[in-house]
Amino acid sequence: MNKQGEITISNKNLNQFTLEDVIQRKIHFTNTNTIFSRTDFEEDYKGELLAYNEMLTDIKEMKEDEFVSKYLRIIKKLGVQFENKEFTDEREIEKMSGYNNAIVSILKCIDPIYEFDL
């Protein structure tokens, strides 16, 4: 990022482009996008940022199989919670939806099957 907090496209080889780069760009986009109303998606964005920041920490400490296992467990648990209507507050539902969607978006970068096989 440059001094204004904007993402700059680096001139590094694409084989040096990492999952960390992807997550950082998703964080930047979530924080700065003007495509959608900030107020309409505030809770969703909070959930996304929570997930991205957790994953950013985990990718520095975990191996791929640990990372995938952890986040698949989280997704499955969230699925059960949504199915059982454990989230009743609309803001909490939106936040946890954003959290879920952010995790899926990163898992899809690791293996596209995670878009369908969760």
PDB file of N, CA and C in Angstrom:
ATOM      1  N   MET A   1       0.842  -1.180   0.000  1.00  0.00           N
ATOM      2  CA  MET A   1       0.000   0.000   0.000  1.00  0.00           C
ATOM      3  C   MET A   1       0.885   1.241   0.000  1.00  0.00           C
ATOM      4  N   ASN A   2       0.390   2.279  -0.623  1.00  0.00           N
ATOM      5  CA  ASN A   2       1.145   3.515  -0.616  1.00  0.00           C
ATOM      6  C   ASN A   2       0.766   4.351   0.613  1.00  0.00           C
ATOM      7  N   LYS A   3       1.311   5.548   0.707  1.00  0.00           N
ATOM      8  CA  LYS A   3       1.074   6.388   1.890  1.00  0.00           C
ATOM      9  C   LYS A   3      -0.395   6.779   2.056  1.00  0.00           C
ATOM     10  N   GLN A   4      -1.136   6.798   0.967  1.00  0.00           N
ATOM     11  CA  GLN A   4      -2.557   7.139   1.037  1.00  0.00           C
ATOM     12  C   GLN A   4      -3.408   5.923   1.380  1.00  0.00           C
ATOM     13  N   GLY A   5      -2.785   4.784   1.613  1.00  0.00           N
ATOM     14  CA  GLY A   5      -3.522   3.576   1.956  1.00  0.00           C
ATOM     15  C   GLY A   5      -4.108   2.868   0.750  1.00  0.00           C
ATOM     16  N   GLU A   6      -3.670   3.263  -0.438  1.00  0.00           N
ATOM     17  CA  GLU A   6      -4.179   2.637  -1.651  1.00  0.00           C
ATOM     18  C   GLU A   6      -3.311   1.436  -2.014  1.00  0.00           C
ATOM     19  N   ILE A   7      -3.943   0.431  -2.566  1.00  0.00           N
ATOM     20  CA  ILE A   7      -3.202  -0.727  -3.052  1.00  0.00           C
ATOM     21  C   ILE A   7      -2.464  -0.310  -4.316  1.00  0.00           C
ATOM     22  N   THR A   8      -1.196  -0.622  -4.365  1.00  0.00           N
ATOM     23  CA  THR A   8      -0.453  -0.403  -5.591  1.00  0.00           C
ATOM     24  C   THR A   8      -0.104  -1.766  -6.154  1.00  0.00           C
ATOM     25  N   ILE A   9      -0.250  -1.883  -7.433  1.00  0.00           N
ATOM     26  CA  ILE A   9       0.094  -3.133  -8.087  1.00  0.00           C
ATOM     27  C   ILE A   9       1.611  -3.210  -8.103  1.00  0.00           C
ATOM     28  N   SER A  10       2.120  -4.249  -7.491  1.00  0.00           N
ATOM     29  CA  SER A  10       3.571  -4.384  -7.433  1.00  0.00           C
ATOM     30  C   SER A  10       4.067  -5.047  -8.703  1.00  0.00           C
ATOM     31  N   ASN A  11       5.339  -4.949  -8.896  1.00  0.00           N
ATOM     32  CA  ASN A  11       5.941  -5.511 -10.091  1.00  0.00           C
ATOM     33  C   ASN A  11       6.614  -6.843  -9.784  1.00  0.00           C
ATOM     34  N   LYS A  12       6.132  -7.524  -8.749  1.00  0.00           N
ATOM     35  CA  LYS A  12       6.743  -8.807  -8.430  1.00  0.00           C
ATOM     36  C   LYS A  12       6.180  -9.895  -9.326  1.00  0.00           C
ATOM     37  N   ASN A  13       6.932 -10.952  -9.455  1.00  0.00           N
ATOM     38  CA  ASN A  13       6.469 -12.082 -10.257  1.00  0.00           C
ATOM     39  C   ASN A  13       5.225 -12.675  -9.622  1.00  0.00           C
ATOM     40  N   LEU A  14       4.330 -13.151 -10.447  1.00  0.00           N
ATOM     41  CA  LEU A  14       3.086 -13.706  -9.918  1.00  0.00           C
ATOM     42  C   LEU A  14       3.316 -14.948  -9.076  1.00  0.00           C
ATOM     43  N   ASN A  15       4.415 -15.650  -9.288  1.00  0.00           N
ATOM     44  CA  ASN A  15       4.681 -16.805  -8.434  1.00  0.00           C
ATOM     45  C   ASN A  15       5.117 -16.380  -7.033  1.00  0.00           C
ATOM     46  N   GLN A  16       5.266 -15.080  -6.824  1.00  0.00           N
ATOM     47  CA  GLN A  16       5.557 -14.546  -5.495  1.00  0.00           C
ATOM     48  C   GLN A  16       4.315 -13.942  -4.842  1.00  0.00           C
ATOM     49  N   PHE A  17       3.218 -13.907  -5.560  1.00  0.00           N
ATOM     50  CA  PHE A  17       1.954 -13.366  -5.064  1.00  0.00           C
ATOM     51  C   PHE A  17       1.351 -14.392  -4.112  1.00  0.00           C
ATOM     52  N   THR A  18       1.035 -13.982  -2.902  1.00  0.00           N
ATOM     53  CA  THR A  18       0.652 -14.933  -1.859  1.00  0.00           C
ATOM     54  C   THR A  18      -0.796 -14.764  -1.410  1.00  0.00           C
ATOM     55  N   LEU A  19      -1.234 -15.726  -0.618  1.00  0.00           N
ATOM     56  CA  LEU A  19      -2.557 -15.637  -0.007  1.00  0.00           C
ATOM     57  C   LEU A  19      -2.626 -14.412   0.908  1.00  0.00           C
ATOM     58  N   GLU A  20      -1.526 -14.074   1.515  1.00  0.00           N
ATOM     59  CA  GLU A  20      -1.474 -12.867   2.344  1.00  0.00           C
ATOM     60  C   GLU A  20      -1.793 -11.631   1.499  1.00  0.00           C
ATOM     61  N   ASP A  21      -1.239 -11.572   0.289  1.00  0.00           N
ATOM     62  CA  ASP A  21      -1.537 -10.454  -0.612  1.00  0.00           C
ATOM     63  C   ASP A  21      -3.030 -10.385  -0.922  1.00  0.00           C
ATOM     64  N   VAL A  22      -3.628 -11.532  -1.187  1.00  0.00           N
ATOM     65  CA  VAL A  22      -5.062 -11.589  -1.502  1.00  0.00           C
ATOM     66  C   VAL A  22      -5.880 -11.066  -0.325  1.00  0.00           C
ATOM     67  N   ILE A  23      -5.567 -11.552   0.870  1.00  0.00           N
ATOM     68  CA  ILE A  23      -6.321 -11.132   2.058  1.00  0.00           C
ATOM     69  C   ILE A  23      -6.143  -9.639   2.309  1.00  0.00           C
ATOM     70  N   GLN A  24      -4.917  -9.145   2.183  1.00  0.00           N
ATOM     71  CA  GLN A  24      -4.690  -7.713   2.389  1.00  0.00           C
ATOM     72  C   GLN A  24      -5.479  -6.874   1.389  1.00  0.00           C
ATOM     73  N   ARG A  25      -5.571  -7.341   0.164  1.00  0.00           N
ATOM     74  CA  ARG A  25      -6.341  -6.600  -0.841  1.00  0.00           C
ATOM     75  C   ARG A  25      -7.836  -6.660  -0.547  1.00  0.00           C
ATOM     76  N   LYS A  26      -8.302  -7.785  -0.036  1.00  0.00           N
ATOM     77  CA  LYS A  26      -9.718  -7.889   0.338  1.00  0.00           C
ATOM     78  C   LYS A  26     -10.023  -6.957   1.516  1.00  0.00           C
ATOM     79  N   ILE A  27      -9.120  -6.878   2.480  1.00  0.00           N
ATOM     80  CA  ILE A  27      -9.289  -5.949   3.601  1.00  0.00           C
ATOM     81  C   ILE A  27      -9.351  -4.517   3.076  1.00  0.00           C
ATOM     82  N   HIS A  28      -8.410  -4.181   2.210  1.00  0.00           N
ATOM     83  CA  HIS A  28      -8.380  -2.831   1.651  1.00  0.00           C
ATOM     84  C   HIS A  28      -9.673  -2.515   0.904  1.00  0.00           C
ATOM     85  N   PHE A  29     -10.125  -3.436   0.075  1.00  0.00           N
ATOM     86  CA  PHE A  29     -11.363  -3.214  -0.674  1.00  0.00           C
ATOM     87  C   PHE A  29     -12.549  -3.038   0.271  1.00  0.00           C
ATOM     88  N   THR A  30     -12.634  -3.884   1.280  1.00  0.00           N
ATOM     89  CA  THR A  30     -13.747  -3.800   2.232  1.00  0.00           C
ATOM     90  C   THR A  30     -13.744  -2.454   2.947  1.00  0.00           C
ATOM     91  N   ASN A  31     -12.565  -1.965   3.274  1.00  0.00           N
ATOM     92  CA  ASN A  31     -12.460  -0.689   3.986  1.00  0.00           C
ATOM     93  C   ASN A  31     -12.705   0.527   3.103  1.00  0.00           C
ATOM     94  N   THR A  32     -12.483   0.400   1.807  1.00  0.00           N
ATOM     95  CA  THR A  32     -12.503   1.594   0.956  1.00  0.00           C
ATOM     96  C   THR A  32     -13.536   1.584  -0.160  1.00  0.00           C
ATOM     97  N   ASN A  33     -14.212   0.479  -0.394  1.00  0.00           N
ATOM     98  CA  ASN A  33     -15.088   0.432  -1.572  1.00  0.00           C
ATOM     99  C   ASN A  33     -16.258   1.399  -1.430  1.00  0.00           C
ATOM    100  N   THR A  34     -16.631   1.952  -2.552  1.00  0.00           N
ATOM    101  CA  THR A  34     -17.765   2.879  -2.595  1.00  0.00           C
ATOM    102  C   THR A  34     -18.866   2.341  -3.511  1.00  0.00           C
ATOM    103  N   ILE A  35     -18.759   1.080  -3.870  1.00  0.00           N
ATOM    104  CA  ILE A  35     -19.748   0.462  -4.754  1.00  0.00           C
ATOM    105  C   ILE A  35     -21.071   0.279  -4.014  1.00  0.00           C
ATOM    106  N   PHE A  36     -20.961  -0.134  -2.755  1.00  0.00           N
ATOM    107  CA  PHE A  36     -22.150  -0.391  -1.941  1.00  0.00           C
ATOM    108  C   PHE A  36     -22.201   0.612  -0.798  1.00  0.00           C
ATOM    109  N   SER A  37     -23.385   0.905  -0.345  1.00  0.00           N
ATOM    110  CA  SER A  37     -23.585   1.832   0.763  1.00  0.00           C
ATOM    111  C   SER A  37     -22.930   1.295   2.032  1.00  0.00           C
ATOM    112  N   ARG A  38     -22.093   2.105   2.646  1.00  0.00           N
ATOM    113  CA  ARG A  38     -21.418   1.696   3.884  1.00  0.00           C
ATOM    114  C   ARG A  38     -22.443   1.395   4.973  1.00  0.00           C
ATOM    115  N   THR A  39     -23.484   2.188   5.051  1.00  0.00           N
ATOM    116  CA  THR A  39     -24.460   1.982   6.122  1.00  0.00           C
ATOM    117  C   THR A  39     -25.293   0.731   5.895  1.00  0.00           C
ATOM    118  N   ASP A  40     -25.617   0.437   4.647  1.00  0.00           N
ATOM    119  CA  ASP A  40     -26.422  -0.755   4.360  1.00  0.00           C
ATOM    120  C   ASP A  40     -25.675  -2.053   4.641  1.00  0.00           C
ATOM    121  N   PHE A  41     -24.362  -2.018   4.523  1.00  0.00           N
ATOM    122  CA  PHE A  41     -23.569  -3.237   4.668  1.00  0.00           C
ATOM    123  C   PHE A  41     -22.594  -3.175   5.843  1.00  0.00           C
ATOM    124  N   GLU A  42     -22.834  -2.280   6.778  1.00  0.00           N
ATOM    125  CA  GLU A  42     -21.906  -2.073   7.891  1.00  0.00           C
ATOM    126  C   GLU A  42     -21.620  -3.357   8.668  1.00  0.00           C
ATOM    127  N   GLU A  43     -22.648  -4.079   9.046  1.00  0.00           N
ATOM    128  CA  GLU A  43     -22.449  -5.302   9.837  1.00  0.00           C
ATOM    129  C   GLU A  43     -21.785  -6.398   9.004  1.00  0.00           C
ATOM    130  N   ASP A  44     -22.182  -6.494   7.748  1.00  0.00           N
ATOM    131  CA  ASP A  44     -21.556  -7.458   6.844  1.00  0.00           C
ATOM    132  C   ASP A  44     -20.053  -7.184   6.751  1.00  0.00           C
ATOM    133  N   TYR A  45     -19.687  -5.917   6.572  1.00  0.00           N
ATOM    134  CA  TYR A  45     -18.278  -5.540   6.482  1.00  0.00           C
ATOM    135  C   TYR A  45     -17.533  -5.863   7.771  1.00  0.00           C
ATOM    136  N   LYS A  46     -18.177  -5.634   8.911  1.00  0.00           N
ATOM    137  CA  LYS A  46     -17.536  -5.966  10.193  1.00  0.00           C
ATOM    138  C   LYS A  46     -17.206  -7.454  10.256  1.00  0.00           C
ATOM    139  N   GLY A  47     -18.137  -8.284   9.819  1.00  0.00           N
ATOM    140  CA  GLY A  47     -17.903  -9.724   9.803  1.00  0.00           C
ATOM    141  C   GLY A  47     -16.785 -10.108   8.852  1.00  0.00           C
ATOM    142  N   GLU A  48     -16.782  -9.497   7.665  1.00  0.00           N
ATOM    143  CA  GLU A  48     -15.724  -9.775   6.696  1.00  0.00           C
ATOM    144  C   GLU A  48     -14.365  -9.407   7.274  1.00  0.00           C
ATOM    145  N   LEU A  49     -14.266  -8.213   7.827  1.00  0.00           N
ATOM    146  CA  LEU A  49     -12.982  -7.756   8.362  1.00  0.00           C
ATOM    147  C   LEU A  49     -12.511  -8.625   9.518  1.00  0.00           C
ATOM    148  N   LEU A  50     -13.439  -9.059  10.357  1.00  0.00           N
ATOM    149  CA  LEU A  50     -13.093  -9.955  11.454  1.00  0.00           C
ATOM    150  C   LEU A  50     -12.467 -11.233  10.904  1.00  0.00           C
ATOM    151  N   ALA A  51     -13.106 -11.826   9.913  1.00  0.00           N
ATOM    152  CA  ALA A  51     -12.595 -13.071   9.321  1.00  0.00           C
ATOM    153  C   ALA A  51     -11.254 -12.839   8.631  1.00  0.00           C
ATOM    154  N   TYR A  52     -11.160 -11.790   7.827  1.00  0.00           N
ATOM    155  CA  TYR A  52      -9.904 -11.539   7.108  1.00  0.00           C
ATOM    156  C   TYR A  52      -8.744 -11.327   8.072  1.00  0.00           C
ATOM    157  N   ASN A  53      -8.974 -10.578   9.136  1.00  0.00           N
ATOM    158  CA  ASN A  53      -7.891 -10.336  10.092  1.00  0.00           C
ATOM    159  C   ASN A  53      -7.497 -11.603  10.838  1.00  0.00           C
ATOM    160  N   GLU A  54      -8.464 -12.439  11.185  1.00  0.00           N
ATOM    161  CA  GLU A  54      -8.144 -13.721  11.821  1.00  0.00           C
ATOM    162  C   GLU A  54      -7.332 -14.593  10.869  1.00  0.00           C
ATOM    163  N   MET A  55      -7.763 -14.650   9.617  1.00  0.00           N
ATOM    164  CA  MET A  55      -7.063 -15.482   8.640  1.00  0.00           C
ATOM    165  C   MET A  55      -5.671 -14.940   8.345  1.00  0.00           C
ATOM    166  N   LEU A  56      -5.526 -13.629   8.332  1.00  0.00           N
ATOM    167  CA  LEU A  56      -4.223 -13.017   8.095  1.00  0.00           C
ATOM    168  C   LEU A  56      -3.231 -13.442   9.174  1.00  0.00           C
ATOM    169  N   THR A  57      -3.688 -13.509  10.400  1.00  0.00           N
ATOM    170  CA  THR A  57      -2.838 -13.987  11.495  1.00  0.00           C
ATOM    171  C   THR A  57      -2.536 -15.469  11.326  1.00  0.00           C
ATOM    172  N   ASP A  58      -3.556 -16.247  11.019  1.00  0.00           N
ATOM    173  CA  ASP A  58      -3.393 -17.700  10.926  1.00  0.00           C
ATOM    174  C   ASP A  58      -2.479 -18.134   9.789  1.00  0.00           C
ATOM    175  N   ILE A  59      -2.508 -17.441   8.649  1.00  0.00           N
ATOM    176  CA  ILE A  59      -1.663 -17.880   7.537  1.00  0.00           C
ATOM    177  C   ILE A  59      -0.184 -17.728   7.859  1.00  0.00           C
ATOM    178  N   LYS A  60       0.129 -16.891   8.826  1.00  0.00           N
ATOM    179  CA  LYS A  60       1.525 -16.704   9.222  1.00  0.00           C
ATOM    180  C   LYS A  60       1.989 -17.787  10.180  1.00  0.00           C
ATOM    181  N   GLU A  61       1.045 -18.511  10.784  1.00  0.00           N
ATOM    182  CA  GLU A  61       1.384 -19.483  11.818  1.00  0.00           C
ATOM    183  C   GLU A  61       1.023 -20.917  11.463  1.00  0.00           C
ATOM    184  N   MET A  62       0.149 -21.120  10.502  1.00  0.00           N
ATOM    185  CA  MET A  62      -0.381 -22.459  10.230  1.00  0.00           C
ATOM    186  C   MET A  62       0.091 -22.997   8.889  1.00  0.00           C
ATOM    187  N   LYS A  63       0.059 -24.290   8.794  1.00  0.00           N
ATOM    188  CA  LYS A  63       0.256 -24.968   7.520  1.00  0.00           C
ATOM    189  C   LYS A  63      -1.106 -25.031   6.821  1.00  0.00           C
ATOM    190  N   GLU A  64      -1.080 -25.304   5.520  1.00  0.00           N
ATOM    191  CA  GLU A  64      -2.312 -25.288   4.729  1.00  0.00           C
ATOM    192  C   GLU A  64      -3.380 -26.209   5.300  1.00  0.00           C
ATOM    193  N   ASP A  65      -3.018 -27.439   5.649  1.00  0.00           N
ATOM    194  CA  ASP A  65      -4.037 -28.380   6.133  1.00  0.00           C
ATOM    195  C   ASP A  65      -4.648 -27.926   7.453  1.00  0.00           C
ATOM    196  N   GLU A  66      -3.843 -27.327   8.329  1.00  0.00           N
ATOM    197  CA  GLU A  66      -4.368 -26.805   9.599  1.00  0.00           C
ATOM    198  C   GLU A  66      -5.345 -25.660   9.336  1.00  0.00           C
ATOM    199  N   PHE A  67      -4.930 -24.762   8.462  1.00  0.00           N
ATOM    200  CA  PHE A  67      -5.737 -23.594   8.123  1.00  0.00           C
ATOM    201  C   PHE A  67      -7.083 -24.026   7.538  1.00  0.00           C
ATOM    202  N   VAL A  68      -7.030 -24.897   6.536  1.00  0.00           N
ATOM    203  CA  VAL A  68      -8.256 -25.353   5.880  1.00  0.00           C
ATOM    204  C   VAL A  68      -9.154 -26.073   6.876  1.00  0.00           C
ATOM    205  N   SER A  69      -8.581 -26.948   7.690  1.00  0.00           N
ATOM    206  CA  SER A  69      -9.383 -27.686   8.681  1.00  0.00           C
ATOM    207  C   SER A  69     -10.073 -26.739   9.652  1.00  0.00           C
ATOM    208  N   LYS A  70      -9.325 -25.766  10.147  1.00  0.00           N
ATOM    209  CA  LYS A  70      -9.900 -24.810  11.099  1.00  0.00           C
ATOM    210  C   LYS A  70     -11.087 -24.071  10.478  1.00  0.00           C
ATOM    211  N   TYR A  71     -10.905 -23.555   9.280  1.00  0.00           N
ATOM    212  CA  TYR A  71     -11.953 -22.730   8.689  1.00  0.00           C
ATOM    213  C   TYR A  71     -13.112 -23.556   8.133  1.00  0.00           C
ATOM    214  N   LEU A  72     -12.864 -24.790   7.748  1.00  0.00           N
ATOM    215  CA  LEU A  72     -13.982 -25.667   7.378  1.00  0.00           C
ATOM    216  C   LEU A  72     -14.843 -25.972   8.599  1.00  0.00           C
ATOM    217  N   ARG A  73     -14.198 -26.183   9.748  1.00  0.00           N
ATOM    218  CA  ARG A  73     -14.958 -26.404  10.991  1.00  0.00           C
ATOM    219  C   ARG A  73     -15.813 -25.187  11.320  1.00  0.00           C
ATOM    220  N   ILE A  74     -15.232 -24.020  11.181  1.00  0.00           N
ATOM    221  CA  ILE A  74     -15.968 -22.785  11.468  1.00  0.00           C
ATOM    222  C   ILE A  74     -17.165 -22.652  10.530  1.00  0.00           C
ATOM    223  N   ILE A  75     -16.955 -22.886   9.241  1.00  0.00           N
ATOM    224  CA  ILE A  75     -18.041 -22.779   8.258  1.00  0.00           C
ATOM    225  C   ILE A  75     -19.154 -23.771   8.571  1.00  0.00           C
ATOM    226  N   LYS A  76     -18.778 -24.986   8.902  1.00  0.00           N
ATOM    227  CA  LYS A  76     -19.792 -26.007   9.212  1.00  0.00           C
ATOM    228  C   LYS A  76     -20.567 -25.638  10.471  1.00  0.00           C
ATOM    229  N   LYS A  77     -19.865 -25.127  11.479  1.00  0.00           N
ATOM    230  CA  LYS A  77     -20.532 -24.710  12.713  1.00  0.00           C
ATOM    231  C   LYS A  77     -21.487 -23.550  12.432  1.00  0.00           C
ATOM    232  N   LEU A  78     -21.036 -22.591  11.641  1.00  0.00           N
ATOM    233  CA  LEU A  78     -21.909 -21.466  11.284  1.00  0.00           C
ATOM    234  C   LEU A  78     -23.136 -21.946  10.523  1.00  0.00           C
ATOM    235  N   GLY A  79     -22.951 -22.908   9.630  1.00  0.00           N
ATOM    236  CA  GLY A  79     -24.075 -23.461   8.876  1.00  0.00           C
ATOM    237  C   GLY A  79     -25.130 -24.047   9.790  1.00  0.00           C
ATOM    238  N   VAL A  80     -24.685 -24.787  10.797  1.00  0.00           N
ATOM    239  CA  VAL A  80     -25.613 -25.373  11.770  1.00  0.00           C
ATOM    240  C   VAL A  80     -26.307 -24.265  12.557  1.00  0.00           C
ATOM    241  N   GLN A  81     -25.544 -23.256  12.964  1.00  0.00           N
ATOM    242  CA  GLN A  81     -26.131 -22.159  13.731  1.00  0.00           C
ATOM    243  C   GLN A  81     -27.173 -21.401  12.907  1.00  0.00           C
ATOM    244  N   PHE A  82     -26.887 -21.165  11.632  1.00  0.00           N
ATOM    245  CA  PHE A  82     -27.869 -20.502  10.768  1.00  0.00           C
ATOM    246  C   PHE A  82     -29.096 -21.386  10.592  1.00  0.00           C
ATOM    247  N   GLU A  83     -28.871 -22.668  10.359  1.00  0.00           N
ATOM    248  CA  GLU A  83     -29.973 -23.610  10.160  1.00  0.00           C
ATOM    249  C   GLU A  83     -30.874 -23.695  11.388  1.00  0.00           C
ATOM    250  N   ASN A  84     -30.271 -23.673  12.565  1.00  0.00           N
ATOM    251  CA  ASN A  84     -31.027 -23.761  13.818  1.00  0.00           C
ATOM    252  C   ASN A  84     -31.543 -22.402  14.285  1.00  0.00           C
ATOM    253  N   LYS A  85     -31.334 -21.394  13.468  1.00  0.00           N
ATOM    254  CA  LYS A  85     -31.778 -20.027  13.772  1.00  0.00           C
ATOM    255  C   LYS A  85     -31.255 -19.535  15.126  1.00  0.00           C
ATOM    256  N   GLU A  86     -29.979 -19.852  15.395  1.00  0.00           N
ATOM    257  CA  GLU A  86     -29.350 -19.413  16.638  1.00  0.00           C
ATOM    258  C   GLU A  86     -29.043 -17.923  16.623  1.00  0.00           C
ATOM    259  N   PHE A  87     -28.941 -17.350  15.441  1.00  0.00           N
ATOM    260  CA  PHE A  87     -28.736 -15.913  15.329  1.00  0.00           C
ATOM    261  C   PHE A  87     -30.107 -15.291  15.102  1.00  0.00           C
ATOM    262  N   THR A  88     -30.518 -14.441  16.015  1.00  0.00           N
ATOM    263  CA  THR A  88     -31.856 -13.852  15.908  1.00  0.00           C
ATOM    264  C   THR A  88     -31.812 -12.357  15.619  1.00  0.00           C
ATOM    265  N   ASP A  89     -30.774 -11.698  16.067  1.00  0.00           N
ATOM    266  CA  ASP A  89     -30.629 -10.269  15.828  1.00  0.00           C
ATOM    267  C   ASP A  89     -30.188 -10.048  14.378  1.00  0.00           C
ATOM    268  N   GLU A  90     -30.876  -9.190  13.659  1.00  0.00           N
ATOM    269  CA  GLU A  90     -30.582  -8.952  12.241  1.00  0.00           C
ATOM    270  C   GLU A  90     -29.136  -8.500  12.028  1.00  0.00           C
ATOM    271  N   ARG A  91     -28.639  -7.665  12.920  1.00  0.00           N
ATOM    272  CA  ARG A  91     -27.258  -7.194  12.785  1.00  0.00           C
ATOM    273  C   ARG A  91     -26.271  -8.339  12.971  1.00  0.00           C
ATOM    274  N   GLU A  92     -26.557  -9.227  13.906  1.00  0.00           N
ATOM    275  CA  GLU A  92     -25.689 -10.381  14.130  1.00  0.00           C
ATOM    276  C   GLU A  92     -25.729 -11.323  12.923  1.00  0.00           C
ATOM    277  N   ILE A  93     -26.909 -11.496  12.342  1.00  0.00           N
ATOM    278  CA  ILE A  93     -27.053 -12.339  11.150  1.00  0.00           C
ATOM    279  C   ILE A  93     -26.200 -11.777  10.012  1.00  0.00           C
ATOM    280  N   GLU A  94     -26.285 -10.476   9.798  1.00  0.00           N
ATOM    281  CA  GLU A  94     -25.507  -9.844   8.731  1.00  0.00           C
ATOM    282  C   GLU A  94     -24.010  -9.969   8.993  1.00  0.00           C
ATOM    283  N   LYS A  95     -23.604  -9.744  10.238  1.00  0.00           N
ATOM    284  CA  LYS A  95     -22.184  -9.836  10.577  1.00  0.00           C
ATOM    285  C   LYS A  95     -21.662 -11.252  10.358  1.00  0.00           C
ATOM    286  N   MET A  96     -22.405 -12.240  10.818  1.00  0.00           N
ATOM    287  CA  MET A  96     -21.954 -13.623  10.674  1.00  0.00           C
ATOM    288  C   MET A  96     -22.018 -14.079   9.220  1.00  0.00           C
ATOM    289  N   SER A  97     -22.925 -13.515   8.442  1.00  0.00           N
ATOM    290  CA  SER A  97     -22.960 -13.804   7.001  1.00  0.00           C
ATOM    291  C   SER A  97     -21.705 -13.265   6.322  1.00  0.00           C
ATOM    292  N   GLY A  98     -21.327 -12.054   6.676  1.00  0.00           N
ATOM    293  CA  GLY A  98     -20.093 -11.476   6.136  1.00  0.00           C
ATOM    294  C   GLY A  98     -18.874 -12.280   6.536  1.00  0.00           C
ATOM    295  N   TYR A  99     -18.860 -12.728   7.788  1.00  0.00           N
ATOM    296  CA  TYR A  99     -17.762 -13.554   8.305  1.00  0.00           C
ATOM    297  C   TYR A  99     -17.673 -14.846   7.493  1.00  0.00           C
ATOM    298  N   ASN A 100     -18.808 -15.505   7.323  1.00  0.00           N
ATOM    299  CA  ASN A 100     -18.890 -16.747   6.554  1.00  0.00           C
ATOM    300  C   ASN A 100     -18.420 -16.533   5.112  1.00  0.00           C
ATOM    301  N   ASN A 101     -18.937 -15.505   4.471  1.00  0.00           N
ATOM    302  CA  ASN A 101     -18.613 -15.256   3.067  1.00  0.00           C
ATOM    303  C   ASN A 101     -17.138 -14.937   2.859  1.00  0.00           C
ATOM    304  N   ALA A 102     -16.540 -14.222   3.803  1.00  0.00           N
ATOM    305  CA  ALA A 102     -15.115 -13.911   3.698  1.00  0.00           C
ATOM    306  C   ALA A 102     -14.279 -15.185   3.785  1.00  0.00           C
ATOM    307  N   ILE A 103     -14.638 -16.064   4.702  1.00  0.00           N
ATOM    308  CA  ILE A 103     -13.906 -17.326   4.839  1.00  0.00           C
ATOM    309  C   ILE A 103     -14.017 -18.134   3.550  1.00  0.00           C
ATOM    310  N   VAL A 104     -15.221 -18.239   3.020  1.00  0.00           N
ATOM    311  CA  VAL A 104     -15.421 -19.000   1.783  1.00  0.00           C
ATOM    312  C   VAL A 104     -14.605 -18.388   0.646  1.00  0.00           C
ATOM    313  N   SER A 105     -14.558 -17.064   0.569  1.00  0.00           N
ATOM    314  CA  SER A 105     -13.818 -16.426  -0.528  1.00  0.00           C
ATOM    315  C   SER A 105     -12.333 -16.770  -0.476  1.00  0.00           C
ATOM    316  N   ILE A 106     -11.784 -16.906   0.720  1.00  0.00           N
ATOM    317  CA  ILE A 106     -10.367 -17.264   0.844  1.00  0.00           C
ATOM    318  C   ILE A 106     -10.165 -18.757   0.632  1.00  0.00           C
ATOM    319  N   LEU A 107     -11.050 -19.576   1.169  1.00  0.00           N
ATOM    320  CA  LEU A 107     -10.926 -21.020   0.939  1.00  0.00           C
ATOM    321  C   LEU A 107     -10.999 -21.338  -0.555  1.00  0.00           C
ATOM    322  N   LYS A 108     -11.813 -20.607  -1.309  1.00  0.00           N
ATOM    323  CA  LYS A 108     -11.909 -20.818  -2.759  1.00  0.00           C
ATOM    324  C   LYS A 108     -10.588 -20.523  -3.456  1.00  0.00           C
ATOM    325  N   CYS A 109      -9.791 -19.625  -2.909  1.00  0.00           N
ATOM    326  CA  CYS A 109      -8.472 -19.348  -3.488  1.00  0.00           C
ATOM    327  C   CYS A 109      -7.541 -20.542  -3.304  1.00  0.00           C
ATOM    328  N   ILE A 110      -7.738 -21.277  -2.235  1.00  0.00           N
ATOM    329  CA  ILE A 110      -6.912 -22.451  -1.958  1.00  0.00           C
ATOM    330  C   ILE A 110      -7.351 -23.615  -2.832  1.00  0.00           C
ATOM    331  N   ASP A 111      -8.670 -23.818  -2.930  1.00  0.00           N
ATOM    332  CA  ASP A 111      -9.221 -24.887  -3.769  1.00  0.00           C
ATOM    333  C   ASP A 111     -10.649 -24.498  -4.144  1.00  0.00           C
ATOM    334  N   PRO A 112     -10.926 -24.319  -5.426  1.00  0.00           N
ATOM    335  CA  PRO A 112     -12.258 -23.882  -5.861  1.00  0.00           C
ATOM    336  C   PRO A 112     -13.406 -24.784  -5.411  1.00  0.00           C
ATOM    337  N   ILE A 113     -13.130 -26.018  -5.041  1.00  0.00           N
ATOM    338  CA  ILE A 113     -14.193 -26.925  -4.596  1.00  0.00           C
ATOM    339  C   ILE A 113     -14.906 -26.381  -3.364  1.00  0.00           C
ATOM    340  N   TYR A 114     -14.216 -25.542  -2.585  1.00  0.00           N
ATOM    341  CA  TYR A 114     -14.817 -25.033  -1.351  1.00  0.00           C
ATOM    342  C   TYR A 114     -15.982 -24.083  -1.600  1.00  0.00           C
ATOM    343  N   GLU A 115     -16.151 -23.648  -2.827  1.00  0.00           N
ATOM    344  CA  GLU A 115     -17.339 -22.850  -3.141  1.00  0.00           C
ATOM    345  C   GLU A 115     -18.587 -23.728  -3.110  1.00  0.00           C
ATOM    346  N   PHE A 116     -18.410 -25.008  -3.374  1.00  0.00           N
ATOM    347  CA  PHE A 116     -19.547 -25.914  -3.510  1.00  0.00           C
ATOM    348  C   PHE A 116     -19.610 -26.989  -2.438  1.00  0.00           C
ATOM    349  N   ASP A 117     -18.483 -27.411  -1.940  1.00  0.00           N
ATOM    350  CA  ASP A 117     -18.405 -28.576  -1.060  1.00  0.00           C
ATOM    351  C   ASP A 117     -18.135 -28.162   0.379  1.00  0.00           C
ATOM    352  N   LEU A 118     -19.102 -27.497   0.985  1.00  0.00           N
ATOM    353  CA  LEU A 118     -18.905 -27.070   2.377  1.00  0.00           C
ATOM    354  C   LEU A 118     -19.906 -27.720   3.279  1.00  0.00           C
TER     355      LEU A 118
END
